[in-house]
N, C-alpha and C. Protein backbone atom coordinates (compact mmCIF):
# COMPACT_ATOMS: atom_id res chain seq x y z
N UNK A 1 0.90 -25.03 14.17
CA UNK A 1 0.33 -24.20 15.22
C UNK A 1 -1.17 -24.11 15.04
N UNK A 2 -1.82 -23.51 15.98
CA UNK A 2 -3.27 -23.32 15.89
C UNK A 2 -3.59 -21.89 16.32
N UNK A 3 -4.00 -21.06 15.37
CA UNK A 3 -4.26 -19.66 15.67
C UNK A 3 -5.73 -19.29 15.61
N UNK A 4 -6.56 -20.28 15.27
CA UNK A 4 -8.01 -20.03 15.24
C UNK A 4 -8.74 -21.37 15.18
N UNK A 5 -9.82 -21.48 15.92
CA UNK A 5 -10.68 -22.66 15.83
C UNK A 5 -12.13 -22.19 15.87
N UNK A 6 -13.07 -23.12 15.73
CA UNK A 6 -14.46 -22.70 15.75
C UNK A 6 -15.33 -23.69 16.53
N UNK A 7 -16.44 -23.15 17.03
CA UNK A 7 -17.41 -23.92 17.81
C UNK A 7 -18.78 -23.80 17.12
N UNK A 8 -19.43 -24.93 16.95
CA UNK A 8 -20.79 -24.93 16.44
C UNK A 8 -21.66 -25.61 17.50
N UNK A 9 -22.07 -24.82 18.50
CA UNK A 9 -22.73 -25.43 19.65
C UNK A 9 -24.14 -25.91 19.38
N UNK A 10 -24.73 -25.52 18.25
CA UNK A 10 -26.07 -25.98 17.94
C UNK A 10 -26.03 -27.30 17.16
N UNK A 11 -24.83 -27.70 16.75
CA UNK A 11 -24.70 -28.90 15.92
C UNK A 11 -24.42 -30.14 16.77
N UNK A 12 -24.06 -29.97 18.03
CA UNK A 12 -23.70 -31.10 18.87
C UNK A 12 -24.17 -30.86 20.29
N UNK A 13 -24.91 -31.80 20.86
CA UNK A 13 -25.48 -31.65 22.19
C UNK A 13 -24.40 -31.55 23.26
N UNK A 14 -23.28 -32.22 23.07
CA UNK A 14 -22.22 -32.18 24.08
C UNK A 14 -21.60 -30.80 24.17
N UNK A 15 -21.30 -30.21 23.02
CA UNK A 15 -20.73 -28.87 23.04
C UNK A 15 -21.76 -27.87 23.59
N UNK A 16 -23.00 -28.04 23.21
CA UNK A 16 -24.05 -27.14 23.71
C UNK A 16 -24.15 -27.22 25.23
N UNK A 17 -24.03 -28.44 25.78
CA UNK A 17 -24.10 -28.62 27.24
C UNK A 17 -22.90 -27.98 27.93
N UNK A 18 -21.71 -28.09 27.32
CA UNK A 18 -20.51 -27.48 27.88
C UNK A 18 -20.63 -25.97 27.92
N UNK A 19 -21.11 -25.40 26.81
CA UNK A 19 -21.30 -23.95 26.72
C UNK A 19 -22.30 -23.49 27.77
N UNK A 20 -23.42 -24.19 27.84
CA UNK A 20 -24.48 -23.82 28.77
C UNK A 20 -24.01 -23.83 30.23
N UNK A 21 -23.17 -24.80 30.57
CA UNK A 21 -22.67 -24.91 31.95
C UNK A 21 -21.64 -23.85 32.28
N UNK A 22 -20.89 -23.36 31.28
CA UNK A 22 -19.84 -22.37 31.53
C UNK A 22 -20.36 -20.93 31.57
N UNK A 23 -21.47 -20.68 30.89
CA UNK A 23 -22.00 -19.31 30.79
C UNK A 23 -22.23 -18.64 32.16
N UNK A 24 -22.85 -19.32 33.15
CA UNK A 24 -23.10 -18.66 34.44
C UNK A 24 -21.84 -18.12 35.12
N UNK A 25 -20.71 -18.83 34.97
CA UNK A 25 -19.46 -18.35 35.58
C UNK A 25 -19.04 -17.01 34.96
N UNK A 26 -19.19 -16.90 33.64
CA UNK A 26 -18.83 -15.66 32.97
C UNK A 26 -19.80 -14.55 33.35
N UNK A 27 -21.08 -14.85 33.38
CA UNK A 27 -22.10 -13.83 33.71
C UNK A 27 -21.92 -13.32 35.13
N UNK A 28 -21.55 -14.20 36.05
CA UNK A 28 -21.35 -13.79 37.44
C UNK A 28 -20.23 -12.76 37.56
N UNK A 29 -19.25 -12.85 36.66
CA UNK A 29 -18.12 -11.90 36.66
C UNK A 29 -18.38 -10.71 35.75
N UNK A 30 -19.59 -10.66 35.16
CA UNK A 30 -19.93 -9.56 34.28
C UNK A 30 -19.20 -9.59 32.95
N UNK A 31 -18.86 -10.78 32.51
CA UNK A 31 -18.12 -10.96 31.26
C UNK A 31 -18.96 -11.71 30.24
N UNK A 32 -18.63 -11.52 28.97
CA UNK A 32 -19.30 -12.23 27.88
C UNK A 32 -18.36 -13.30 27.35
N UNK A 33 -18.85 -14.53 27.34
CA UNK A 33 -18.06 -15.65 26.84
C UNK A 33 -18.48 -15.99 25.42
N UNK A 34 -17.51 -16.24 24.55
CA UNK A 34 -17.84 -16.63 23.18
C UNK A 34 -18.35 -18.06 23.21
N UNK A 35 -19.54 -18.27 22.66
CA UNK A 35 -20.17 -19.59 22.72
C UNK A 35 -20.30 -20.26 21.38
N UNK A 36 -20.04 -19.54 20.29
CA UNK A 36 -20.12 -20.15 18.97
C UNK A 36 -19.33 -19.30 17.98
N UNK A 37 -19.07 -19.87 16.79
CA UNK A 37 -18.34 -19.14 15.76
C UNK A 37 -16.85 -19.28 15.89
N UNK A 38 -16.11 -18.42 15.19
CA UNK A 38 -14.66 -18.45 15.20
C UNK A 38 -14.10 -17.94 16.51
N UNK A 39 -13.08 -18.62 17.01
CA UNK A 39 -12.44 -18.25 18.28
C UNK A 39 -11.02 -17.82 17.99
N UNK A 40 -10.63 -16.67 18.58
CA UNK A 40 -9.31 -16.09 18.37
C UNK A 40 -8.57 -15.99 19.71
N UNK A 41 -7.23 -15.92 19.70
CA UNK A 41 -6.49 -15.67 20.94
C UNK A 41 -7.01 -14.42 21.63
N UNK A 42 -7.06 -14.47 22.95
CA UNK A 42 -7.59 -13.47 23.90
C UNK A 42 -9.09 -13.60 24.12
N UNK A 43 -9.79 -14.46 23.37
CA UNK A 43 -11.22 -14.67 23.61
C UNK A 43 -11.46 -15.46 24.89
N UNK A 44 -12.57 -15.17 25.56
CA UNK A 44 -13.01 -15.94 26.71
C UNK A 44 -13.93 -17.04 26.20
N UNK A 45 -13.56 -18.29 26.44
CA UNK A 45 -14.27 -19.42 25.84
C UNK A 45 -14.48 -20.55 26.85
N UNK A 46 -15.39 -21.50 26.55
CA UNK A 46 -15.61 -22.64 27.45
C UNK A 46 -14.48 -23.68 27.33
N UNK A 47 -14.01 -24.13 28.48
CA UNK A 47 -12.92 -25.12 28.57
C UNK A 47 -13.27 -26.11 29.67
N UNK A 48 -12.90 -27.37 29.48
CA UNK A 48 -13.12 -28.39 30.51
C UNK A 48 -11.86 -28.53 31.37
N UNK A 49 -12.05 -28.50 32.69
CA UNK A 49 -10.94 -28.68 33.62
C UNK A 49 -11.46 -29.28 34.92
N UNK A 50 -10.60 -29.92 35.70
CA UNK A 50 -11.05 -30.51 36.97
C UNK A 50 -11.39 -29.44 38.01
N UNK A 51 -12.45 -29.66 38.75
CA UNK A 51 -12.80 -28.73 39.83
C UNK A 51 -11.77 -28.86 40.95
N UNK A 52 -11.60 -27.79 41.71
CA UNK A 52 -10.62 -27.82 42.79
C UNK A 52 -11.02 -28.77 43.91
N UNK A 53 -12.33 -28.85 44.19
CA UNK A 53 -12.80 -29.60 45.34
C UNK A 53 -12.84 -31.11 45.09
N UNK A 54 -13.51 -31.51 44.02
CA UNK A 54 -13.71 -32.94 43.79
C UNK A 54 -12.95 -33.49 42.58
N UNK A 55 -12.22 -32.60 41.88
CA UNK A 55 -11.48 -33.00 40.68
C UNK A 55 -12.39 -33.54 39.60
N UNK A 56 -13.65 -33.14 39.66
CA UNK A 56 -14.62 -33.52 38.64
C UNK A 56 -14.45 -32.62 37.42
N UNK A 57 -14.56 -33.19 36.23
CA UNK A 57 -14.37 -32.42 35.01
C UNK A 57 -15.58 -31.51 34.80
N UNK A 58 -15.33 -30.18 34.82
CA UNK A 58 -16.40 -29.20 34.75
C UNK A 58 -16.06 -28.12 33.71
N UNK A 59 -17.07 -27.60 33.01
CA UNK A 59 -16.81 -26.49 32.07
C UNK A 59 -16.58 -25.18 32.82
N UNK A 60 -15.51 -24.47 32.44
CA UNK A 60 -15.20 -23.16 33.00
C UNK A 60 -14.87 -22.21 31.84
N UNK A 61 -15.11 -20.91 32.02
CA UNK A 61 -14.60 -19.95 31.02
C UNK A 61 -13.10 -19.76 31.26
N UNK A 62 -12.34 -19.73 30.19
CA UNK A 62 -10.92 -19.43 30.26
C UNK A 62 -10.55 -18.53 29.10
N UNK A 63 -9.43 -17.84 29.25
CA UNK A 63 -8.95 -16.93 28.21
C UNK A 63 -7.85 -17.60 27.41
N UNK A 64 -8.01 -17.57 26.09
CA UNK A 64 -7.02 -18.21 25.23
C UNK A 64 -5.80 -17.30 25.05
N UNK A 65 -4.68 -17.73 25.62
CA UNK A 65 -3.43 -17.00 25.47
C UNK A 65 -3.16 -16.05 26.61
N UNK A 66 -1.88 -15.79 26.87
CA UNK A 66 -1.49 -14.85 27.92
C UNK A 66 -0.17 -14.19 27.57
N UNK A 67 0.07 -13.05 28.14
CA UNK A 67 1.30 -12.32 27.87
C UNK A 67 2.49 -13.04 28.50
N UNK A 68 3.55 -13.23 27.72
CA UNK A 68 4.74 -13.87 28.23
C UNK A 68 5.37 -12.97 29.29
N UNK A 69 5.66 -13.50 30.48
CA UNK A 69 6.18 -12.66 31.58
C UNK A 69 7.55 -12.04 31.31
N UNK A 70 8.35 -12.67 30.45
CA UNK A 70 9.71 -12.19 30.21
C UNK A 70 9.94 -11.64 28.80
N UNK A 71 8.89 -11.67 27.97
CA UNK A 71 9.03 -11.20 26.59
C UNK A 71 7.87 -10.27 26.27
N UNK A 72 8.02 -8.98 26.52
CA UNK A 72 6.95 -8.01 26.30
C UNK A 72 6.40 -8.07 24.87
N UNK A 73 5.08 -8.04 24.76
CA UNK A 73 4.44 -8.05 23.45
C UNK A 73 4.22 -9.42 22.86
N UNK A 74 4.73 -10.47 23.52
CA UNK A 74 4.56 -11.85 23.01
C UNK A 74 3.37 -12.50 23.69
N UNK A 75 2.42 -12.99 22.89
CA UNK A 75 1.25 -13.69 23.39
C UNK A 75 1.45 -15.19 23.25
N UNK A 76 1.37 -15.90 24.36
CA UNK A 76 1.54 -17.35 24.36
C UNK A 76 0.18 -18.00 24.20
N UNK A 77 -0.11 -18.52 23.01
CA UNK A 77 -1.40 -19.20 22.81
C UNK A 77 -1.20 -20.62 22.28
N UNK A 78 0.03 -20.96 21.86
CA UNK A 78 0.41 -22.31 21.48
C UNK A 78 1.65 -22.70 22.26
N UNK A 79 1.75 -23.97 22.62
CA UNK A 79 2.93 -24.47 23.33
C UNK A 79 3.34 -25.81 22.74
N UNK A 80 4.61 -25.96 22.40
CA UNK A 80 5.09 -27.22 21.84
C UNK A 80 5.02 -28.33 22.89
N UNK A 81 4.35 -29.42 22.53
CA UNK A 81 4.20 -30.53 23.49
C UNK A 81 5.56 -31.17 23.79
N UNK A 82 6.46 -31.16 22.82
CA UNK A 82 7.76 -31.83 22.99
C UNK A 82 8.60 -31.17 24.09
N UNK A 83 8.41 -29.89 24.32
CA UNK A 83 9.26 -29.17 25.28
C UNK A 83 8.48 -28.50 26.42
N UNK A 84 7.16 -28.72 26.49
CA UNK A 84 6.34 -28.03 27.50
C UNK A 84 6.81 -28.29 28.93
N UNK A 85 7.24 -29.52 29.20
CA UNK A 85 7.66 -29.87 30.56
C UNK A 85 8.96 -29.19 30.96
N UNK A 86 9.69 -28.65 30.00
CA UNK A 86 10.95 -27.97 30.29
C UNK A 86 10.76 -26.49 30.54
N UNK A 87 9.56 -25.96 30.26
CA UNK A 87 9.30 -24.52 30.36
C UNK A 87 8.92 -24.13 31.79
N UNK A 88 9.61 -23.14 32.37
CA UNK A 88 9.26 -22.67 33.72
C UNK A 88 7.80 -22.23 33.83
N UNK A 89 7.24 -21.73 32.73
CA UNK A 89 5.85 -21.28 32.74
C UNK A 89 4.88 -22.40 33.09
N UNK A 90 5.25 -23.63 32.74
CA UNK A 90 4.30 -24.74 32.87
C UNK A 90 4.76 -25.83 33.82
N UNK A 91 5.65 -25.50 34.75
CA UNK A 91 6.15 -26.49 35.70
C UNK A 91 5.00 -27.16 36.46
N UNK A 92 4.05 -26.34 36.88
CA UNK A 92 2.87 -26.87 37.60
C UNK A 92 1.82 -27.38 36.64
N UNK A 93 1.59 -26.68 35.57
CA UNK A 93 0.51 -26.99 34.64
C UNK A 93 0.62 -28.38 34.01
N UNK A 94 1.83 -28.82 33.72
CA UNK A 94 1.97 -30.10 33.00
C UNK A 94 1.43 -31.27 33.80
N UNK A 95 1.34 -31.12 35.11
CA UNK A 95 0.85 -32.21 35.95
C UNK A 95 -0.55 -31.93 36.51
N UNK A 96 -0.76 -30.71 36.99
CA UNK A 96 -1.99 -30.41 37.72
C UNK A 96 -2.96 -29.48 37.00
N UNK A 97 -2.58 -28.90 35.89
CA UNK A 97 -3.46 -27.94 35.24
C UNK A 97 -3.60 -28.25 33.74
N UNK A 98 -4.00 -29.45 33.49
CA UNK A 98 -4.34 -29.83 32.11
C UNK A 98 -5.79 -29.48 31.85
N UNK A 99 -6.11 -29.18 30.62
CA UNK A 99 -7.48 -28.86 30.28
C UNK A 99 -7.82 -29.37 28.89
N UNK A 100 -9.10 -29.32 28.56
CA UNK A 100 -9.61 -29.78 27.27
C UNK A 100 -10.42 -28.67 26.62
N UNK A 101 -10.10 -28.34 25.38
CA UNK A 101 -10.81 -27.28 24.67
C UNK A 101 -11.75 -27.93 23.66
N UNK A 102 -13.07 -27.84 23.85
CA UNK A 102 -14.00 -28.43 22.90
C UNK A 102 -14.06 -27.62 21.62
N UNK A 103 -13.94 -28.28 20.48
CA UNK A 103 -13.97 -27.59 19.20
C UNK A 103 -14.77 -28.40 18.18
N UNK A 104 -15.25 -27.71 17.17
CA UNK A 104 -15.90 -28.37 16.04
C UNK A 104 -14.90 -28.52 14.90
N UNK A 105 -13.85 -27.71 14.92
CA UNK A 105 -12.81 -27.76 13.90
C UNK A 105 -11.81 -26.65 14.12
N UNK A 106 -10.73 -26.66 13.37
CA UNK A 106 -9.72 -25.60 13.48
C UNK A 106 -9.20 -25.26 12.08
N UNK A 107 -8.49 -24.13 12.01
CA UNK A 107 -8.00 -23.62 10.73
C UNK A 107 -6.49 -23.64 10.67
N UNK A 108 -5.97 -23.83 9.46
CA UNK A 108 -4.57 -23.59 9.16
C UNK A 108 -4.52 -22.87 7.83
N UNK A 109 -3.40 -22.22 7.55
CA UNK A 109 -3.25 -21.49 6.30
C UNK A 109 -2.13 -22.11 5.47
N UNK A 110 -2.45 -22.50 4.24
CA UNK A 110 -1.49 -23.12 3.36
C UNK A 110 -0.92 -22.09 2.40
N UNK A 111 0.39 -22.08 2.27
CA UNK A 111 1.04 -21.15 1.35
C UNK A 111 1.03 -21.75 -0.04
N UNK A 112 0.50 -21.02 -1.00
CA UNK A 112 0.40 -21.51 -2.38
C UNK A 112 1.67 -21.21 -3.15
N UNK A 113 1.76 -21.75 -4.36
CA UNK A 113 2.93 -21.52 -5.21
C UNK A 113 3.09 -20.06 -5.56
N UNK A 114 1.96 -19.32 -5.56
CA UNK A 114 1.98 -17.89 -5.87
C UNK A 114 2.36 -17.04 -4.67
N UNK A 115 2.56 -17.69 -3.51
CA UNK A 115 2.93 -16.95 -2.33
C UNK A 115 1.75 -16.49 -1.49
N UNK A 116 0.55 -16.83 -1.93
CA UNK A 116 -0.65 -16.45 -1.18
C UNK A 116 -0.92 -17.47 -0.09
N UNK A 117 -1.76 -17.10 0.87
CA UNK A 117 -2.15 -18.02 1.93
C UNK A 117 -3.63 -18.35 1.80
N UNK A 118 -3.95 -19.64 1.72
CA UNK A 118 -5.32 -20.06 1.60
C UNK A 118 -5.73 -20.83 2.86
N UNK A 119 -6.93 -20.53 3.35
CA UNK A 119 -7.41 -21.15 4.57
C UNK A 119 -7.84 -22.59 4.33
N UNK A 120 -7.44 -23.47 5.24
CA UNK A 120 -7.87 -24.86 5.22
C UNK A 120 -8.62 -25.16 6.52
N UNK A 121 -9.69 -25.92 6.43
CA UNK A 121 -10.51 -26.24 7.59
C UNK A 121 -10.32 -27.71 7.94
N UNK A 122 -10.00 -27.97 9.20
CA UNK A 122 -9.82 -29.34 9.67
C UNK A 122 -10.96 -29.72 10.61
N UNK A 123 -11.64 -30.80 10.29
CA UNK A 123 -12.76 -31.25 11.10
C UNK A 123 -12.67 -32.76 11.30
N UNK A 124 -13.63 -33.29 12.04
CA UNK A 124 -13.74 -34.75 12.23
C UNK A 124 -15.20 -35.12 12.13
N UNK A 125 -15.48 -36.42 12.20
CA UNK A 125 -16.86 -36.89 12.10
C UNK A 125 -17.72 -36.34 13.24
N UNK A 126 -17.09 -36.03 14.36
CA UNK A 126 -17.80 -35.46 15.50
C UNK A 126 -16.88 -34.47 16.21
N UNK A 127 -17.45 -33.54 16.99
CA UNK A 127 -16.62 -32.56 17.71
C UNK A 127 -15.57 -33.26 18.56
N UNK A 128 -14.42 -32.63 18.71
CA UNK A 128 -13.33 -33.23 19.44
C UNK A 128 -12.74 -32.22 20.41
N UNK A 129 -11.64 -32.58 21.05
CA UNK A 129 -11.02 -31.71 22.04
C UNK A 129 -9.56 -31.45 21.67
N UNK A 130 -9.08 -30.27 22.02
CA UNK A 130 -7.67 -29.94 21.90
C UNK A 130 -7.07 -30.00 23.30
N UNK A 131 -5.85 -30.50 23.40
CA UNK A 131 -5.18 -30.58 24.70
C UNK A 131 -4.60 -29.22 25.04
N UNK A 132 -4.78 -28.81 26.28
CA UNK A 132 -4.26 -27.51 26.72
C UNK A 132 -3.68 -27.54 28.11
N UNK A 133 -2.93 -26.50 28.44
CA UNK A 133 -2.41 -26.27 29.77
C UNK A 133 -2.86 -24.89 30.20
N UNK A 134 -3.18 -24.72 31.49
CA UNK A 134 -3.63 -23.40 31.91
C UNK A 134 -2.85 -22.89 33.13
N UNK A 135 -2.86 -21.58 33.29
CA UNK A 135 -2.21 -20.94 34.42
C UNK A 135 -3.20 -19.95 35.05
N UNK A 136 -2.97 -19.59 36.28
CA UNK A 136 -3.82 -18.62 36.97
C UNK A 136 -3.08 -17.31 37.16
N UNK A 137 -3.87 -16.24 37.32
CA UNK A 137 -3.28 -14.93 37.54
C UNK A 137 -4.10 -14.18 38.60
N UNK A 138 -3.43 -13.47 39.47
CA UNK A 138 -4.13 -12.69 40.50
C UNK A 138 -4.87 -11.50 39.89
N UNK A 139 -4.48 -11.10 38.67
CA UNK A 139 -5.08 -9.93 38.04
C UNK A 139 -6.36 -10.25 37.27
N UNK A 140 -6.65 -11.52 37.08
CA UNK A 140 -7.76 -11.93 36.23
C UNK A 140 -8.55 -13.06 36.91
N UNK A 141 -9.89 -12.94 37.00
CA UNK A 141 -10.67 -13.99 37.66
C UNK A 141 -10.68 -15.32 36.93
N UNK A 142 -10.39 -15.29 35.62
CA UNK A 142 -10.41 -16.52 34.84
C UNK A 142 -8.99 -16.96 34.47
N UNK A 143 -8.75 -18.26 34.43
CA UNK A 143 -7.43 -18.77 34.04
C UNK A 143 -7.14 -18.47 32.56
N UNK A 144 -5.87 -18.56 32.22
CA UNK A 144 -5.42 -18.44 30.82
C UNK A 144 -4.98 -19.83 30.36
N UNK A 145 -5.24 -20.15 29.10
CA UNK A 145 -4.78 -21.45 28.60
C UNK A 145 -4.01 -21.31 27.31
N UNK A 146 -3.18 -22.31 27.05
CA UNK A 146 -2.43 -22.40 25.81
C UNK A 146 -2.69 -23.77 25.20
N UNK A 147 -2.83 -23.84 23.89
CA UNK A 147 -3.09 -25.09 23.18
C UNK A 147 -1.77 -25.78 22.85
N UNK A 148 -1.68 -27.04 23.18
CA UNK A 148 -0.48 -27.82 22.87
C UNK A 148 -0.44 -28.19 21.39
N UNK A 149 0.74 -28.16 20.82
CA UNK A 149 0.91 -28.53 19.41
C UNK A 149 1.95 -29.63 19.28
N UNK A 150 1.94 -30.29 18.13
CA UNK A 150 2.89 -31.35 17.86
C UNK A 150 3.21 -31.35 16.36
N UNK A 151 4.20 -32.15 15.98
CA UNK A 151 4.52 -32.28 14.56
C UNK A 151 3.34 -32.94 13.84
N UNK A 152 2.96 -32.37 12.72
CA UNK A 152 1.82 -32.91 11.97
C UNK A 152 2.25 -34.12 11.13
N UNK A 153 1.40 -35.14 11.09
CA UNK A 153 1.68 -36.30 10.24
C UNK A 153 1.24 -35.99 8.80
N UNK A 154 1.63 -36.83 7.89
CA UNK A 154 1.08 -36.71 6.54
C UNK A 154 -0.37 -37.19 6.55
N UNK A 155 -1.26 -36.62 5.77
CA UNK A 155 -1.02 -35.58 4.76
C UNK A 155 -1.14 -34.15 5.28
N UNK A 156 -1.42 -33.99 6.60
CA UNK A 156 -1.59 -32.65 7.15
C UNK A 156 -0.30 -31.86 7.02
N UNK A 157 0.84 -32.53 7.15
CA UNK A 157 2.15 -31.86 7.07
C UNK A 157 2.33 -31.09 5.76
N UNK A 158 1.68 -31.54 4.71
CA UNK A 158 1.81 -30.87 3.43
C UNK A 158 1.20 -29.47 3.48
N UNK A 159 0.28 -29.26 4.43
CA UNK A 159 -0.35 -27.95 4.58
C UNK A 159 0.33 -27.13 5.66
N UNK A 160 0.65 -27.78 6.79
CA UNK A 160 1.34 -27.09 7.87
C UNK A 160 2.15 -28.11 8.65
N UNK A 161 3.35 -27.72 9.10
CA UNK A 161 4.24 -28.66 9.77
C UNK A 161 3.77 -29.05 11.17
N UNK A 162 2.93 -28.20 11.77
CA UNK A 162 2.46 -28.51 13.12
C UNK A 162 0.94 -28.49 13.17
N UNK A 163 0.40 -29.12 14.22
CA UNK A 163 -1.04 -29.18 14.41
C UNK A 163 -1.33 -29.26 15.90
N UNK A 164 -2.53 -28.94 16.33
CA UNK A 164 -2.86 -29.07 17.75
C UNK A 164 -2.90 -30.53 18.17
N UNK A 165 -2.63 -30.78 19.44
CA UNK A 165 -2.73 -32.14 19.99
C UNK A 165 -4.22 -32.46 20.18
N UNK A 166 -4.67 -33.52 19.53
CA UNK A 166 -6.08 -33.90 19.57
C UNK A 166 -6.33 -34.93 20.67
N UNK A 167 -7.40 -34.73 21.42
CA UNK A 167 -7.82 -35.69 22.45
C UNK A 167 -9.22 -36.18 22.10
N UNK A 168 -9.39 -37.47 22.00
CA UNK A 168 -10.69 -38.03 21.67
C UNK A 168 -11.57 -38.14 22.92
N UNK A 169 -12.82 -38.42 22.71
CA UNK A 169 -13.75 -38.61 23.84
C UNK A 169 -13.25 -39.72 24.76
N UNK A 170 -12.71 -40.78 24.18
CA UNK A 170 -12.23 -41.91 24.98
C UNK A 170 -10.94 -41.61 25.75
N UNK A 171 -10.21 -40.57 25.33
CA UNK A 171 -8.93 -40.25 25.97
C UNK A 171 -9.04 -39.16 27.02
N UNK A 172 -10.22 -38.58 27.20
CA UNK A 172 -10.39 -37.43 28.10
C UNK A 172 -9.86 -37.69 29.50
N UNK A 173 -10.30 -38.77 30.12
CA UNK A 173 -9.90 -39.05 31.50
C UNK A 173 -8.40 -39.29 31.61
N UNK A 174 -7.83 -40.00 30.65
CA UNK A 174 -6.39 -40.28 30.68
C UNK A 174 -5.57 -39.00 30.50
N UNK A 175 -6.06 -38.07 29.69
CA UNK A 175 -5.34 -36.81 29.49
C UNK A 175 -5.39 -35.98 30.78
N UNK A 176 -6.57 -35.78 31.33
CA UNK A 176 -6.71 -34.97 32.54
C UNK A 176 -5.99 -35.63 33.71
N UNK A 177 -6.04 -36.96 33.78
CA UNK A 177 -5.42 -37.67 34.90
C UNK A 177 -3.93 -37.82 34.81
N UNK A 178 -3.32 -37.37 33.72
CA UNK A 178 -1.88 -37.41 33.59
C UNK A 178 -1.33 -38.73 33.08
N UNK A 179 -2.22 -39.62 32.65
CA UNK A 179 -1.77 -40.92 32.12
C UNK A 179 -1.08 -40.75 30.78
N UNK A 180 -1.58 -39.83 29.97
CA UNK A 180 -0.98 -39.58 28.65
C UNK A 180 0.15 -38.56 28.78
N UNK A 181 1.39 -38.97 28.53
CA UNK A 181 2.54 -38.04 28.68
C UNK A 181 2.56 -36.97 27.59
N UNK A 182 2.78 -35.75 28.01
CA UNK A 182 2.76 -34.63 27.07
C UNK A 182 3.84 -34.76 26.00
N UNK A 183 5.04 -35.11 26.41
CA UNK A 183 6.16 -35.16 25.47
C UNK A 183 5.98 -36.24 24.40
N UNK A 184 5.08 -37.18 24.64
CA UNK A 184 4.84 -38.27 23.68
C UNK A 184 3.50 -38.10 22.96
N UNK A 185 3.04 -36.87 22.88
CA UNK A 185 1.73 -36.60 22.29
C UNK A 185 1.62 -37.12 20.87
N UNK A 186 2.69 -37.02 20.10
CA UNK A 186 2.63 -37.45 18.71
C UNK A 186 2.39 -38.96 18.60
N UNK A 187 2.75 -39.70 19.66
CA UNK A 187 2.58 -41.15 19.63
C UNK A 187 1.12 -41.56 19.91
N UNK A 188 0.48 -40.87 20.87
CA UNK A 188 -0.89 -41.29 21.21
C UNK A 188 -1.98 -40.47 20.52
N UNK A 189 -1.61 -39.35 19.91
CA UNK A 189 -2.62 -38.53 19.27
C UNK A 189 -2.76 -38.81 17.77
N UNK A 190 -1.65 -39.05 17.11
CA UNK A 190 -1.68 -39.29 15.67
C UNK A 190 -2.41 -40.60 15.35
N UNK A 191 -3.26 -40.55 14.34
CA UNK A 191 -3.93 -41.75 13.88
C UNK A 191 -5.18 -42.13 14.63
N UNK A 192 -5.49 -41.40 15.72
CA UNK A 192 -6.68 -41.74 16.51
C UNK A 192 -7.75 -40.65 16.45
N UNK A 193 -7.44 -39.59 15.74
CA UNK A 193 -8.33 -38.44 15.78
C UNK A 193 -9.32 -38.38 14.62
N UNK A 194 -8.99 -39.00 13.49
CA UNK A 194 -9.88 -38.95 12.35
C UNK A 194 -10.01 -37.57 11.75
N UNK A 195 -8.97 -36.73 11.93
CA UNK A 195 -9.02 -35.37 11.43
C UNK A 195 -8.83 -35.35 9.91
N UNK A 196 -9.68 -34.59 9.24
CA UNK A 196 -9.58 -34.47 7.78
C UNK A 196 -9.64 -33.00 7.40
N UNK A 197 -9.04 -32.70 6.28
CA UNK A 197 -9.11 -31.35 5.72
C UNK A 197 -10.38 -31.28 4.88
N UNK A 198 -11.33 -30.45 5.30
CA UNK A 198 -12.62 -30.41 4.63
C UNK A 198 -12.83 -29.16 3.78
N UNK A 199 -11.82 -28.37 3.61
CA UNK A 199 -12.01 -27.18 2.80
C UNK A 199 -10.75 -26.36 2.70
């Protein structure tokens, strides 16, 4: 799973440009968008998604996670890629509401032999994207998104059994355009991301 990630917008021009383009949308609604540092579920953050008019990939503010409509108190911020297409919540999203979450890295917690949990940081040679699905709500001006997860390959599996679905710069258009099937994420995402545990 992925319960926290981070953005370092001053370290990469692409992330800085995405943040800069999304800020006006948040300001127009009188909201503050998180533009750097650790990101937690319920935060308003920059996300890439197709515009309604021209289907051009544009940065928008979105909220990470949403309340499950049938399970009070449950926050949906991760979604299994293997079964996402079967979920009523995402019947529309799997085809028309895919998104990309720009990140500099993400965290997982490894359980030690003593029973403690130690934080591990996963990064790559350059900022990357997490695959997401989003939904809209009449009660909120900004969409909500959930990060897709998949079974983790070795050696990541030794730390955590699951990991977010990684989308590279070269895969962006295919992911948004629906060319990359969600249920087969482990086939096209594993081995192409260059993700390493750096701490």
